[in-house]
Amino acid sequence: MATRFKIGTRKSAMALAQTEEIARRLSAAMPDLEVEIVKFDTTGDLDQTSKLLPHGGKGGAFVAQIRAAVLSGELQAAMHSLKDMPGNEDTPGLVIGATLSRDPPGDALVLREGVTLEALRQSRGKGFKIGTNAVRRAAYARRLFPDVEVIHFRGAADTRVRKLDNGEKQKLPDGGAVGPADALIMARSGLDRVGLAHRIAYEFSAAEMLPAAGQGIVAVECAAQDWQTRQILSSIDDPAAHASADAEREVLWVLNGHCNSPVAGFSTISADQMSLTASVLDLSGNTIIEASHTGPANRPRELGRAVGLDLLAKGAAEIIERSRPR
């Protein structure tokens, strides 16, 4: 008799694509598993106007409702983009049961018709508006294009590109609007997932724009005491991606960053060694603190802790505190 397995997800095109990939891998690994995808309208998806902070940041906006369903037993598991999972707080009773192999982790530039990368660079961004909701991307954008105007821009990946192409303004909570945008900075992996990779005008290197901790990693969360589900999820877990997730999220934990903190972190594994670089920027992009360490790949949390403590020693706490909402 087939085992029923319910996995929760947001309704966005990218979230569904990620969850369908999990379902395919689970079905391939365990043919007797009957996987059902349960779709949620999260607060962050229903409210496409406000900034995420009033909803509790990304954690409250995109994962809280689905996590509650796992804790109540309504679901066996929940799909998350790892970068959307708060790294400075734990959810008692839940664990990451699996991570899929990492997609390309970098950020990409999407341009509206008539705008070129050369024009952006030559003007240092003057006269152009770049849309993003991520404070990390905003800080790096101001660093790369010092005279650009960065505007608040919300929506699922495909929605944001549509708004860019249509010249739509972004509504603000106070009833006003900003834009339209001339360019967007988005996750390369997200554009791939929704079939919009052809819109990428430029891919930022890690040296130019260090990715968010966990970017490109799909995580599957489950109840800590649900040993059957944990065993099922172990069949699709990618050890290298899981190790990177542990290292990068440990940096967030040590820094006690919040959803308004421009914090970045990215690790790579070569043989039995892991290299990890993390940075903290002020919101203007003018100040950046960076730290890099290399250590055994089988001790990722220790490596993450070392990098986080190095950043604190260099003054990261003061930058994070200045960016904390009052």
C-alpha atoms as a PDB file:
ATOM      1  CA  MET A   1       0.000   0.000   0.000  1.00  0.00           C
ATOM      2  CA  ALA A   2       1.375   3.420  -0.969  1.00  0.00           C
ATOM      3  CA  THR A   3       2.520   5.777   1.773  1.00  0.00           C
ATOM      4  CA  ARG A   4       0.845   9.177   1.564  1.00  0.00           C
ATOM      5  CA  PHE A   5       3.292  12.086   1.767  1.00  0.00           C
ATOM      6  CA  LYS A   6       2.027  15.682   1.837  1.00  0.00           C
ATOM      7  CA  ILE A   7       4.453  18.504   1.144  1.00  0.00           C
ATOM      8  CA  GLY A   8       3.492  22.161   1.495  1.00  0.00           C
ATOM      9  CA  THR A   9       4.584  25.042  -0.702  1.00  0.00           C
ATOM     10  CA  ARG A  10       3.776  28.570  -1.782  1.00  0.00           C
ATOM     11  CA  LYS A  11       1.722  28.979  -4.968  1.00  0.00           C
ATOM     12  CA  SER A  12       4.269  30.967  -6.965  1.00  0.00           C
ATOM     13  CA  ALA A  13       5.530  29.491 -10.222  1.00  0.00           C
ATOM     14  CA  MET A  14       9.048  29.140  -8.822  1.00  0.00           C
ATOM     15  CA  ALA A  15       7.917  27.514  -5.564  1.00  0.00           C
ATOM     16  CA  LEU A  16       5.765  25.032  -7.454  1.00  0.00           C
ATOM     17  CA  ALA A  17       8.622  24.191  -9.822  1.00  0.00           C
ATOM     18  CA  GLN A  18      10.910  23.532  -6.864  1.00  0.00           C
ATOM     19  CA  THR A  19       8.304  21.403  -5.080  1.00  0.00           C
ATOM     20  CA  GLU A  20       7.541  19.405  -8.218  1.00  0.00           C
ATOM     21  CA  GLU A  21      11.252  18.641  -8.490  1.00  0.00           C
ATOM     22  CA  ILE A  22      11.218  17.332  -4.908  1.00  0.00           C
ATOM     23  CA  ALA A  23       8.155  15.206  -5.721  1.00  0.00           C
ATOM     24  CA  ARG A  24       9.876  13.753  -8.804  1.00  0.00           C
ATOM     25  CA  ARG A  25      12.974  12.839  -6.840  1.00  0.00           C
ATOM     26  CA  LEU A  26      10.979  11.292  -3.999  1.00  0.00           C
ATOM     27  CA  SER A  27       8.877   9.229  -6.427  1.00  0.00           C
ATOM     28  CA  ALA A  28      12.012   8.032  -8.205  1.00  0.00           C
ATOM     29  CA  ALA A  29      13.699   7.064  -4.952  1.00  0.00           C
ATOM     30  CA  MET A  30      10.574   5.489  -3.421  1.00  0.00           C
ATOM     31  CA  PRO A  31       8.038   4.367  -6.063  1.00  0.00           C
ATOM     32  CA  ASP A  32       5.491   3.353  -3.393  1.00  0.00           C
ATOM     33  CA  LEU A  33       5.341   6.919  -2.070  1.00  0.00           C
ATOM     34  CA  GLU A  34       2.194   8.843  -2.970  1.00  0.00           C
ATOM     35  CA  VAL A  35       3.333  12.478  -2.978  1.00  0.00           C
ATOM     36  CA  GLU A  36       0.717  15.233  -2.735  1.00  0.00           C
ATOM     37  CA  ILE A  37       1.607  18.908  -3.168  1.00  0.00           C
ATOM     38  CA  VAL A  38      -0.411  21.217  -0.900  1.00  0.00           C
ATOM     39  CA  LYS A  39      -0.438  24.872  -1.985  1.00  0.00           C
ATOM     40  CA  PHE A  40      -0.542  27.774   0.467  1.00  0.00           C
ATOM     41  CA  ASP A  41      -1.380  31.456   0.044  1.00  0.00           C
ATOM     42  CA  THR A  42       1.243  32.907   2.383  1.00  0.00           C
ATOM     43  CA  THR A  43       1.088  36.407   3.821  1.00  0.00           C
ATOM     44  CA  GLY A  44       4.042  37.481   1.680  1.00  0.00           C
ATOM     45  CA  ASP A  45       2.310  36.303  -1.484  1.00  0.00           C
ATOM     46  CA  LEU A  46      -1.064  37.864  -0.681  1.00  0.00           C
ATOM     47  CA  ASP A  47       0.480  41.255   0.153  1.00  0.00           C
ATOM     48  CA  GLN A  48       2.531  42.340  -2.864  1.00  0.00           C
ATOM     49  CA  THR A  49       2.791  45.945  -1.683  1.00  0.00           C
ATOM     50  CA  SER A  50       4.303  46.086   1.794  1.00  0.00           C
ATOM     51  CA  LYS A  51       7.889  45.518   2.692  1.00  0.00           C
ATOM     52  CA  LEU A  52       8.416  42.145   4.352  1.00  0.00           C
ATOM     53  CA  LEU A  53       9.379  43.495   7.763  1.00  0.00           C
ATOM     54  CA  PRO A  54       5.802  44.115   9.018  1.00  0.00           C
ATOM     55  CA  HIS A  55       5.046  40.444   8.326  1.00  0.00           C
ATOM     56  CA  GLY A  56       7.997  39.281  10.407  1.00  0.00           C
ATOM     57  CA  GLY A  57      10.521  39.374   7.587  1.00  0.00           C
ATOM     58  CA  LYS A  58      10.842  36.505   5.140  1.00  0.00           C
ATOM     59  CA  GLY A  59      10.288  34.036   7.967  1.00  0.00           C
ATOM     60  CA  GLY A  60       6.880  35.429   8.819  1.00  0.00           C
ATOM     61  CA  ALA A  61       5.905  36.271   5.264  1.00  0.00           C
ATOM     62  CA  PHE A  62       6.773  33.085   3.419  1.00  0.00           C
ATOM     63  CA  VAL A  63       7.370  30.169   5.775  1.00  0.00           C
ATOM     64  CA  ALA A  64       5.421  30.639   9.031  1.00  0.00           C
ATOM     65  CA  GLN A  65       2.060  29.299   7.821  1.00  0.00           C
ATOM     66  CA  ILE A  66       3.569  26.265   6.118  1.00  0.00           C
ATOM     67  CA  ARG A  67       5.739  25.500   9.141  1.00  0.00           C
ATOM     68  CA  ALA A  68       2.673  25.607  11.375  1.00  0.00           C
ATOM     69  CA  ALA A  69       0.991  23.005   9.158  1.00  0.00           C
ATOM     70  CA  VAL A  70       3.995  20.693   9.524  1.00  0.00           C
ATOM     71  CA  LEU A  71       4.011  21.111  13.298  1.00  0.00           C
ATOM     72  CA  SER A  72       0.281  20.348  13.485  1.00  0.00           C
ATOM     73  CA  GLY A  73       0.713  17.143  11.478  1.00  0.00           C
ATOM     74  CA  GLU A  74      -1.280  18.435   8.510  1.00  0.00           C
ATOM     75  CA  LEU A  75       1.829  18.041   6.330  1.00  0.00           C
ATOM     76  CA  GLN A  76       4.782  15.659   6.398  1.00  0.00           C
ATOM     77  CA  ALA A  77       7.141  18.288   4.984  1.00  0.00           C
ATOM     78  CA  ALA A  78       7.497  21.830   3.661  1.00  0.00           C
ATOM     79  CA  MET A  79       9.475  23.181   0.736  1.00  0.00           C
ATOM     80  CA  HIS A  80      11.483  26.375   1.245  1.00  0.00           C
ATOM     81  CA  SER A  81      14.063  28.323  -0.687  1.00  0.00           C
ATOM     82  CA  LEU A  82      16.781  28.160   1.933  1.00  0.00           C
ATOM     83  CA  LYS A  83      17.568  31.866   1.645  1.00  0.00           C
ATOM     84  CA  ASP A  84      13.989  32.619   2.762  1.00  0.00           C
ATOM     85  CA  MET A  85      14.443  30.717   6.029  1.00  0.00           C
ATOM     86  CA  PRO A  86      15.581  32.976   8.891  1.00  0.00           C
ATOM     87  CA  GLY A  87      19.060  31.977  10.000  1.00  0.00           C
ATOM     88  CA  ASN A  88      19.134  33.833  13.322  1.00  0.00           C
ATOM     89  CA  GLU A  89      16.318  31.857  14.904  1.00  0.00           C
ATOM     90  CA  ASP A  90      15.274  28.243  15.292  1.00  0.00           C
ATOM     91  CA  THR A  91      11.783  26.853  14.981  1.00  0.00           C
ATOM     92  CA  PRO A  92      11.445  24.335  17.826  1.00  0.00           C
ATOM     93  CA  GLY A  93      10.356  20.929  16.619  1.00  0.00           C
ATOM     94  CA  LEU A  94      11.485  21.323  12.998  1.00  0.00           C
ATOM     95  CA  VAL A  95      14.635  20.268  11.132  1.00  0.00           C
ATOM     96  CA  ILE A  96      15.888  20.442   7.547  1.00  0.00           C
ATOM     97  CA  GLY A  97      15.426  16.840   6.443  1.00  0.00           C
ATOM     98  CA  ALA A  98      16.926  17.276   2.975  1.00  0.00           C
ATOM     99  CA  THR A  99      18.515  19.770   0.643  1.00  0.00           C
ATOM    100  CA  LEU A 100      18.532  19.315  -3.117  1.00  0.00           C
ATOM    101  CA  SER A 101      21.770  19.749  -5.060  1.00  0.00           C
ATOM    102  CA  ARG A 102      22.571  23.426  -5.324  1.00  0.00           C
ATOM    103  CA  ASP A 103      21.389  25.404  -8.332  1.00  0.00           C
ATOM    104  CA  PRO A 104      23.568  28.266  -9.661  1.00  0.00           C
ATOM    105  CA  PRO A 105      23.808  30.512  -6.576  1.00  0.00           C
ATOM    106  CA  GLY A 106      24.566  33.888  -8.101  1.00  0.00           C
ATOM    107  CA  ASP A 107      22.549  37.010  -8.846  1.00  0.00           C
ATOM    108  CA  ALA A 108      21.645  38.270 -12.297  1.00  0.00           C
ATOM    109  CA  LEU A 109      20.675  41.539 -13.935  1.00  0.00           C
ATOM    110  CA  VAL A 110      17.465  41.748 -15.979  1.00  0.00           C
ATOM    111  CA  LEU A 111      17.003  44.856 -18.152  1.00  0.00           C
ATOM    112  CA  ARG A 112      13.962  46.451 -19.716  1.00  0.00           C
ATOM    113  CA  GLU A 113      14.012  46.980 -23.455  1.00  0.00           C
ATOM    114  CA  GLY A 114      16.287  49.842 -24.471  1.00  0.00           C
ATOM    115  CA  VAL A 115      18.584  49.672 -21.412  1.00  0.00           C
ATOM    116  CA  THR A 116      22.108  48.277 -21.739  1.00  0.00           C
ATOM    117  CA  LEU A 117      24.684  47.154 -19.212  1.00  0.00           C
ATOM    118  CA  GLU A 118      27.205  49.476 -20.866  1.00  0.00           C
ATOM    119  CA  ALA A 119      24.926  52.477 -20.266  1.00  0.00           C
ATOM    120  CA  LEU A 120      24.471  51.498 -16.621  1.00  0.00           C
ATOM    121  CA  ARG A 121      28.195  51.174 -16.089  1.00  0.00           C
ATOM    122  CA  GLN A 122      29.219  54.331 -17.936  1.00  0.00           C
ATOM    123  CA  SER A 123      26.664  56.447 -16.066  1.00  0.00           C
ATOM    124  CA  ARG A 124      27.457  54.758 -12.708  1.00  0.00           C
ATOM    125  CA  GLY A 125      23.697  54.179 -12.656  1.00  0.00           C
ATOM    126  CA  LYS A 126      22.771  57.861 -12.792  1.00  0.00           C
ATOM    127  CA  GLY A 127      19.267  58.282 -14.183  1.00  0.00           C
ATOM    128  CA  PHE A 128      18.395  54.600 -13.794  1.00  0.00           C
ATOM    129  CA  LYS A 129      16.191  52.759 -11.290  1.00  0.00           C
ATOM    130  CA  ILE A 130      17.075  49.238 -10.146  1.00  0.00           C
ATOM    131  CA  GLY A 131      14.312  47.255  -8.459  1.00  0.00           C
ATOM    132  CA  THR A 132      14.841  44.758  -5.631  1.00  0.00           C
ATOM    133  CA  ASN A 133      13.325  43.864  -2.290  1.00  0.00           C
ATOM    134  CA  ALA A 134      16.562  42.395  -0.910  1.00  0.00           C
ATOM    135  CA  VAL A 135      18.641  44.761   1.227  1.00  0.00           C
ATOM    136  CA  ARG A 136      21.772  42.763   0.360  1.00  0.00           C
ATOM    137  CA  ARG A 137      21.213  43.241  -3.379  1.00  0.00           C
ATOM    138  CA  ALA A 138      20.360  46.905  -2.829  1.00  0.00           C
ATOM    139  CA  ALA A 139      23.617  47.498  -0.937  1.00  0.00           C
ATOM    140  CA  TYR A 140      25.703  45.764  -3.593  1.00  0.00           C
ATOM    141  CA  ALA A 141      23.840  47.622  -6.368  1.00  0.00           C
ATOM    142  CA  ARG A 142      24.749  50.955  -4.756  1.00  0.00           C
ATOM    143  CA  ARG A 143      28.338  49.748  -4.487  1.00  0.00           C
ATOM    144  CA  LEU A 144      28.529  48.719  -8.164  1.00  0.00           C
ATOM    145  CA  PHE A 145      26.492  51.635  -9.553  1.00  0.00           C
ATOM    146  CA  PRO A 146      27.056  54.481  -7.047  1.00  0.00           C
ATOM    147  CA  ASP A 147      24.597  56.943  -8.596  1.00  0.00           C
ATOM    148  CA  VAL A 148      21.720  54.538  -9.231  1.00  0.00           C
ATOM    149  CA  GLU A 149      18.329  54.828  -7.541  1.00  0.00           C
ATOM    150  CA  VAL A 150      17.367  51.554  -5.880  1.00  0.00           C
ATOM    151  CA  ILE A 151      13.610  51.108  -5.528  1.00  0.00           C
ATOM    152  CA  HIS A 152      11.490  48.699  -3.493  1.00  0.00           C
ATOM    153  CA  PHE A 153      10.179  46.010  -5.895  1.00  0.00           C
ATOM    154  CA  ARG A 154       8.061  43.027  -4.842  1.00  0.00           C
ATOM    155  CA  GLY A 155       6.508  39.967  -6.428  1.00  0.00           C
ATOM    156  CA  ALA A 156       7.239  36.438  -7.581  1.00  0.00           C
ATOM    157  CA  ALA A 157      10.046  36.120 -10.123  1.00  0.00           C
ATOM    158  CA  ASP A 158       7.790  35.994 -13.167  1.00  0.00           C
ATOM    159  CA  THR A 159       5.601  38.800 -11.782  1.00  0.00           C
ATOM    160  CA  ARG A 160       8.579  41.108 -11.316  1.00  0.00           C
ATOM    161  CA  VAL A 161       9.774  40.584 -14.886  1.00  0.00           C
ATOM    162  CA  ARG A 162       6.263  41.232 -16.201  1.00  0.00           C
ATOM    163  CA  LYS A 163       6.054  44.491 -14.219  1.00  0.00           C
ATOM    164  CA  LEU A 164       9.468  45.523 -15.578  1.00  0.00           C
ATOM    165  CA  ASP A 165       8.435  44.830 -19.181  1.00  0.00           C
ATOM    166  CA  ASN A 166       5.089  46.607 -18.810  1.00  0.00           C
ATOM    167  CA  GLY A 167       6.611  49.669 -17.146  1.00  0.00           C
ATOM    168  CA  GLU A 168       4.416  49.164 -14.081  1.00  0.00           C
ATOM    169  CA  LYS A 169       5.081  51.094 -10.907  1.00  0.00           C
ATOM    170  CA  GLN A 170       5.491  49.348  -7.564  1.00  0.00           C
ATOM    171  CA  LYS A 171       2.746  50.268  -5.123  1.00  0.00           C
ATOM    172  CA  LEU A 172       3.863  51.314  -1.633  1.00  0.00           C
ATOM    173  CA  PRO A 173       2.101  50.745   1.701  1.00  0.00           C
ATOM    174  CA  ASP A 174       1.405  54.498   2.087  1.00  0.00           C
ATOM    175  CA  GLY A 175      -0.600  54.549  -1.134  1.00  0.00           C
ATOM    176  CA  GLY A 176       2.193  55.988  -3.261  1.00  0.00           C
ATOM    177  CA  ALA A 177       4.257  54.226  -5.898  1.00  0.00           C
ATOM    178  CA  VAL A 178       7.833  54.040  -7.176  1.00  0.00           C
ATOM    179  CA  GLY A 179       9.259  53.273 -10.572  1.00  0.00           C
ATOM    180  CA  PRO A 180       8.905  52.031 -13.121  1.00  0.00           C
ATOM    181  CA  ALA A 181      12.170  50.090 -12.896  1.00  0.00           C
ATOM    182  CA  ASP A 182      14.806  50.066 -15.598  1.00  0.00           C
ATOM    183  CA  ALA A 183      16.461  46.912 -14.302  1.00  0.00           C
ATOM    184  CA  LEU A 184      16.023  44.173 -11.728  1.00  0.00           C
ATOM    185  CA  ILE A 185      18.519  42.175  -9.714  1.00  0.00           C
ATOM    186  CA  MET A 186      17.261  38.625  -9.203  1.00  0.00           C
ATOM    187  CA  ALA A 187      18.503  35.158  -8.317  1.00  0.00           C
ATOM    188  CA  ARG A 188      19.829  33.345 -11.371  1.00  0.00           C
ATOM    189  CA  SER A 189      18.317  30.073 -10.123  1.00  0.00           C
ATOM    190  CA  GLY A 190      14.866  31.633  -9.778  1.00  0.00           C
ATOM    191  CA  LEU A 191      14.919  32.875 -13.370  1.00  0.00           C
ATOM    192  CA  ASP A 192      15.941  29.390 -14.494  1.00  0.00           C
ATOM    193  CA  ARG A 193      13.071  27.795 -12.566  1.00  0.00           C
ATOM    194  CA  VAL A 194      10.377  29.927 -14.205  1.00  0.00           C
ATOM    195  CA  GLY A 195      11.793  29.685 -17.721  1.00  0.00           C
ATOM    196  CA  LEU A 196      13.196  33.208 -17.880  1.00  0.00           C
ATOM    197  CA  ALA A 197      16.927  32.484 -18.077  1.00  0.00           C
ATOM    198  CA  HIS A 198      16.955  34.087 -21.535  1.00  0.00           C
ATOM    199  CA  ARG A 199      16.252  37.450 -19.865  1.00  0.00           C
ATOM    200  CA  ILE A 200      19.566  37.465 -18.026  1.00  0.00           C
ATOM    201  CA  ALA A 201      21.634  40.378 -19.318  1.00  0.00           C
ATOM    202  CA  TYR A 202      24.523  39.850 -16.920  1.00  0.00           C
ATOM    203  CA  GLU A 203      25.496  37.401 -14.176  1.00  0.00           C
ATOM    204  CA  PHE A 204      27.302  38.921 -11.221  1.00  0.00           C
ATOM    205  CA  SER A 205      30.354  37.067  -9.983  1.00  0.00           C
ATOM    206  CA  ALA A 206      30.646  36.242  -6.291  1.00  0.00           C
ATOM    207  CA  ALA A 207      33.376  38.896  -6.073  1.00  0.00           C
ATOM    208  CA  GLU A 208      30.947  41.536  -7.386  1.00  0.00           C
ATOM    209  CA  MET A 209      27.863  40.432  -5.465  1.00  0.00           C
ATOM    210  CA  LEU A 210      28.292  37.714  -2.846  1.00  0.00           C
ATOM    211  CA  PRO A 211      25.150  35.548  -2.777  1.00  0.00           C
ATOM    212  CA  ALA A 212      22.780  35.338   0.164  1.00  0.00           C
ATOM    213  CA  ALA A 213      23.402  32.483   2.588  1.00  0.00           C
ATOM    214  CA  GLY A 214      21.731  29.415   1.143  1.00  0.00           C
ATOM    215  CA  GLN A 215      20.890  30.993  -2.218  1.00  0.00           C
ATOM    216  CA  GLY A 216      20.261  28.330  -4.852  1.00  0.00           C
ATOM    217  CA  ILE A 217      19.487  25.613  -2.294  1.00  0.00           C
ATOM    218  CA  VAL A 218      16.035  24.081  -1.963  1.00  0.00           C
ATOM    219  CA  ALA A 219      15.382  22.852   1.585  1.00  0.00           C
ATOM    220  CA  VAL A 220      12.776  20.356   2.763  1.00  0.00           C
ATOM    221  CA  GLU A 221      11.734  20.860   6.372  1.00  0.00           C
ATOM    222  CA  CYS A 222       9.970  18.296   8.561  1.00  0.00           C
ATOM    223  CA  ALA A 223       9.134  17.560  12.191  1.00  0.00           C
ATOM    224  CA  ALA A 224      12.214  16.684  14.214  1.00  0.00           C
ATOM    225  CA  GLN A 225      10.542  13.677  15.849  1.00  0.00           C
ATOM    226  CA  ASP A 226       8.992  12.329  12.619  1.00  0.00           C
ATOM    227  CA  TRP A 227      11.619   9.681  12.035  1.00  0.00           C
ATOM    228  CA  GLN A 228       9.770   8.028   9.146  1.00  0.00           C
ATOM    229  CA  THR A 229       9.683  11.303   7.204  1.00  0.00           C
ATOM    230  CA  ARG A 230      13.307  12.015   8.029  1.00  0.00           C
ATOM    231  CA  GLN A 231      14.278   8.604   6.645  1.00  0.00           C
ATOM    232  CA  ILE A 232      12.248   9.229   3.481  1.00  0.00           C
ATOM    233  CA  LEU A 233      13.825  12.652   2.944  1.00  0.00           C
ATOM    234  CA  SER A 234      17.341  11.284   3.463  1.00  0.00           C
ATOM    235  CA  SER A 235      16.913   9.441   0.147  1.00  0.00           C
ATOM    236  CA  ILE A 236      17.031  12.740  -1.783  1.00  0.00           C
ATOM    237  CA  ASP A 237      19.459  14.704   0.399  1.00  0.00           C
ATOM    238  CA  ASP A 238      22.572  16.140  -1.250  1.00  0.00           C
ATOM    239  CA  PRO A 239      25.395  16.012   1.323  1.00  0.00           C
ATOM    240  CA  ALA A 240      27.463  18.801  -0.268  1.00  0.00           C
ATOM    241  CA  ALA A 241      24.515  21.216  -0.429  1.00  0.00           C
ATOM    242  CA  HIS A 242      23.544  20.289   3.125  1.00  0.00           C
ATOM    243  CA  ALA A 243      27.071  21.005   4.364  1.00  0.00           C
ATOM    244  CA  SER A 244      27.083  24.383   2.591  1.00  0.00           C
ATOM    245  CA  ALA A 245      23.689  25.176   4.093  1.00  0.00           C
ATOM    246  CA  ASP A 246      24.972  24.395   7.581  1.00  0.00           C
ATOM    247  CA  ALA A 247      28.103  26.525   7.151  1.00  0.00           C
ATOM    248  CA  GLU A 248      26.382  29.561   5.658  1.00  0.00           C
ATOM    249  CA  ARG A 249      23.467  29.524   8.104  1.00  0.00           C
ATOM    250  CA  GLU A 250      25.875  29.275  11.028  1.00  0.00           C
ATOM    251  CA  VAL A 251      27.261  32.672   9.984  1.00  0.00           C
ATOM    252  CA  LEU A 252      23.752  34.142  10.196  1.00  0.00           C
ATOM    253  CA  TRP A 253      23.271  32.575  13.612  1.00  0.00           C
ATOM    254  CA  VAL A 254      26.544  33.983  14.984  1.00  0.00           C
ATOM    255  CA  LEU A 255      25.845  37.456  13.579  1.00  0.00           C
ATOM    256  CA  ASN A 256      22.231  37.457  14.838  1.00  0.00           C
ATOM    257  CA  GLY A 257      21.313  39.278  11.669  1.00  0.00           C
ATOM    258  CA  HIS A 258      17.768  40.294  10.868  1.00  0.00           C
ATOM    259  CA  CYS A 259      15.782  40.594   7.640  1.00  0.00           C
ATOM    260  CA  ASN A 260      17.003  44.167   7.134  1.00  0.00           C
ATOM    261  CA  SER A 261      20.675  43.220   7.460  1.00  0.00           C
ATOM    262  CA  PRO A 262      22.744  43.164   4.263  1.00  0.00           C
ATOM    263  CA  VAL A 263      24.543  39.878   5.052  1.00  0.00           C
ATOM    264  CA  ALA A 264      25.974  37.548   2.408  1.00  0.00           C
ATOM    265  CA  GLY A 265      27.630  34.153   2.619  1.00  0.00           C
ATOM    266  CA  PHE A 266      28.788  31.554   0.119  1.00  0.00           C
ATOM    267  CA  SER A 267      30.805  28.348   0.402  1.00  0.00           C
ATOM    268  CA  THR A 268      32.463  25.956  -2.030  1.00  0.00           C
ATOM    269  CA  ILE A 269      33.758  22.437  -1.513  1.00  0.00           C
ATOM    270  CA  SER A 270      36.867  20.954  -3.115  1.00  0.00           C
ATOM    271  CA  ALA A 271      37.747  17.369  -2.160  1.00  0.00           C
ATOM    272  CA  ASP A 272      37.604  17.301   1.650  1.00  0.00           C
ATOM    273  CA  GLN A 273      37.980  21.059   2.135  1.00  0.00           C
ATOM    274  CA  MET A 274      35.350  23.805   2.333  1.00  0.00           C
ATOM    275  CA  SER A 275      35.991  27.494   1.706  1.00  0.00           C
ATOM    276  CA  LEU A 276      33.537  30.028   3.076  1.00  0.00           C
ATOM    277  CA  THR A 277      33.328  33.784   2.489  1.00  0.00           C
ATOM    278  CA  ALA A 278      30.802  36.061   4.173  1.00  0.00           C
ATOM    279  CA  SER A 279      30.271  39.795   4.223  1.00  0.00           C
ATOM    280  CA  VAL A 280      28.274  42.481   6.005  1.00  0.00           C
ATOM    281  CA  LEU A 281      27.499  45.774   4.250  1.00  0.00           C
ATOM    282  CA  ASP A 282      25.900  48.987   5.384  1.00  0.00           C
ATOM    283  CA  LEU A 283      22.741  49.914   3.512  1.00  0.00           C
ATOM    284  CA  SER A 284      24.569  52.480   1.376  1.00  0.00           C
ATOM    285  CA  GLY A 285      27.069  49.898   0.138  1.00  0.00           C
ATOM    286  CA  ASN A 286      29.933  52.218   1.095  1.00  0.00           C
ATOM    287  CA  THR A 287      31.189  50.051   3.959  1.00  0.00           C
ATOM    288  CA  ILE A 288      31.826  46.337   3.607  1.00  0.00           C
ATOM    289  CA  ILE A 289      33.398  43.879   6.036  1.00  0.00           C
ATOM    290  CA  GLU A 290      34.431  40.511   4.656  1.00  0.00           C
ATOM    291  CA  ALA A 291      35.946  37.335   6.101  1.00  0.00           C
ATOM    292  CA  SER A 292      37.076  34.069   4.505  1.00  0.00           C
ATOM    293  CA  HIS A 293      38.188  30.775   6.038  1.00  0.00           C
ATOM    294  CA  THR A 294      38.928  27.250   4.812  1.00  0.00           C
ATOM    295  CA  GLY A 295      38.498  24.080   6.834  1.00  0.00           C
ATOM    296  CA  PRO A 296      37.380  20.440   6.785  1.00  0.00           C
ATOM    297  CA  ALA A 297      34.216  19.987   4.732  1.00  0.00           C
ATOM    298  CA  ASN A 298      32.825  17.601   7.335  1.00  0.00           C
ATOM    299  CA  ARG A 299      32.826  20.334   9.997  1.00  0.00           C
ATOM    300  CA  PRO A 300      30.757  23.049   8.290  1.00  0.00           C
ATOM    301  CA  ARG A 301      29.243  24.614  11.402  1.00  0.00           C
ATOM    302  CA  GLU A 302      32.657  25.148  12.938  1.00  0.00           C
ATOM    303  CA  LEU A 303      33.795  26.871   9.751  1.00  0.00           C
ATOM    304  CA  GLY A 304      30.692  29.060   9.733  1.00  0.00           C
ATOM    305  CA  ARG A 305      31.252  29.960  13.371  1.00  0.00           C
ATOM    306  CA  ALA A 306      34.862  30.958  12.680  1.00  0.00           C
ATOM    307  CA  VAL A 307      33.835  33.228   9.800  1.00  0.00           C
ATOM    308  CA  GLY A 308      31.008  34.769  11.815  1.00  0.00           C
ATOM    309  CA  LEU A 309      33.271  35.481  14.782  1.00  0.00           C
ATOM    310  CA  ASP A 310      35.868  36.993  12.448  1.00  0.00           C
ATOM    311  CA  LEU A 311      33.206  39.355  11.063  1.00  0.00           C
ATOM    312  CA  LEU A 312      32.171  40.338  14.591  1.00  0.00           C
ATOM    313  CA  ALA A 313      35.808  41.059  15.472  1.00  0.00           C
ATOM    314  CA  LYS A 314      35.986  43.368  12.452  1.00  0.00           C
ATOM    315  CA  GLY A 315      32.954  45.394  13.548  1.00  0.00           C
ATOM    316  CA  ALA A 316      30.015  43.639  11.881  1.00  0.00           C
ATOM    317  CA  ALA A 317      27.764  43.956  14.935  1.00  0.00           C
ATOM    318  CA  GLU A 318      27.808  47.762  14.725  1.00  0.00           C
ATOM    319  CA  ILE A 319      26.779  47.722  11.044  1.00  0.00           C
ATOM    320  CA  ILE A 320      23.983  45.239  11.734  1.00  0.00           C
ATOM    321  CA  GLU A 321      22.730  47.282  14.673  1.00  0.00           C
ATOM    322  CA  ARG A 322      22.640  50.466  12.585  1.00  0.00           C
ATOM    323  CA  SER A 323      20.468  48.717  10.022  1.00  0.00           C
ATOM    324  CA  ARG A 324      18.077  47.324  12.614  1.00  0.00           C
ATOM    325  CA  PRO A 325      14.577  48.822  12.306  1.00  0.00           C
ATOM    326  CA  ARG A 326      13.691  51.209  15.112  1.00  0.00           C
END
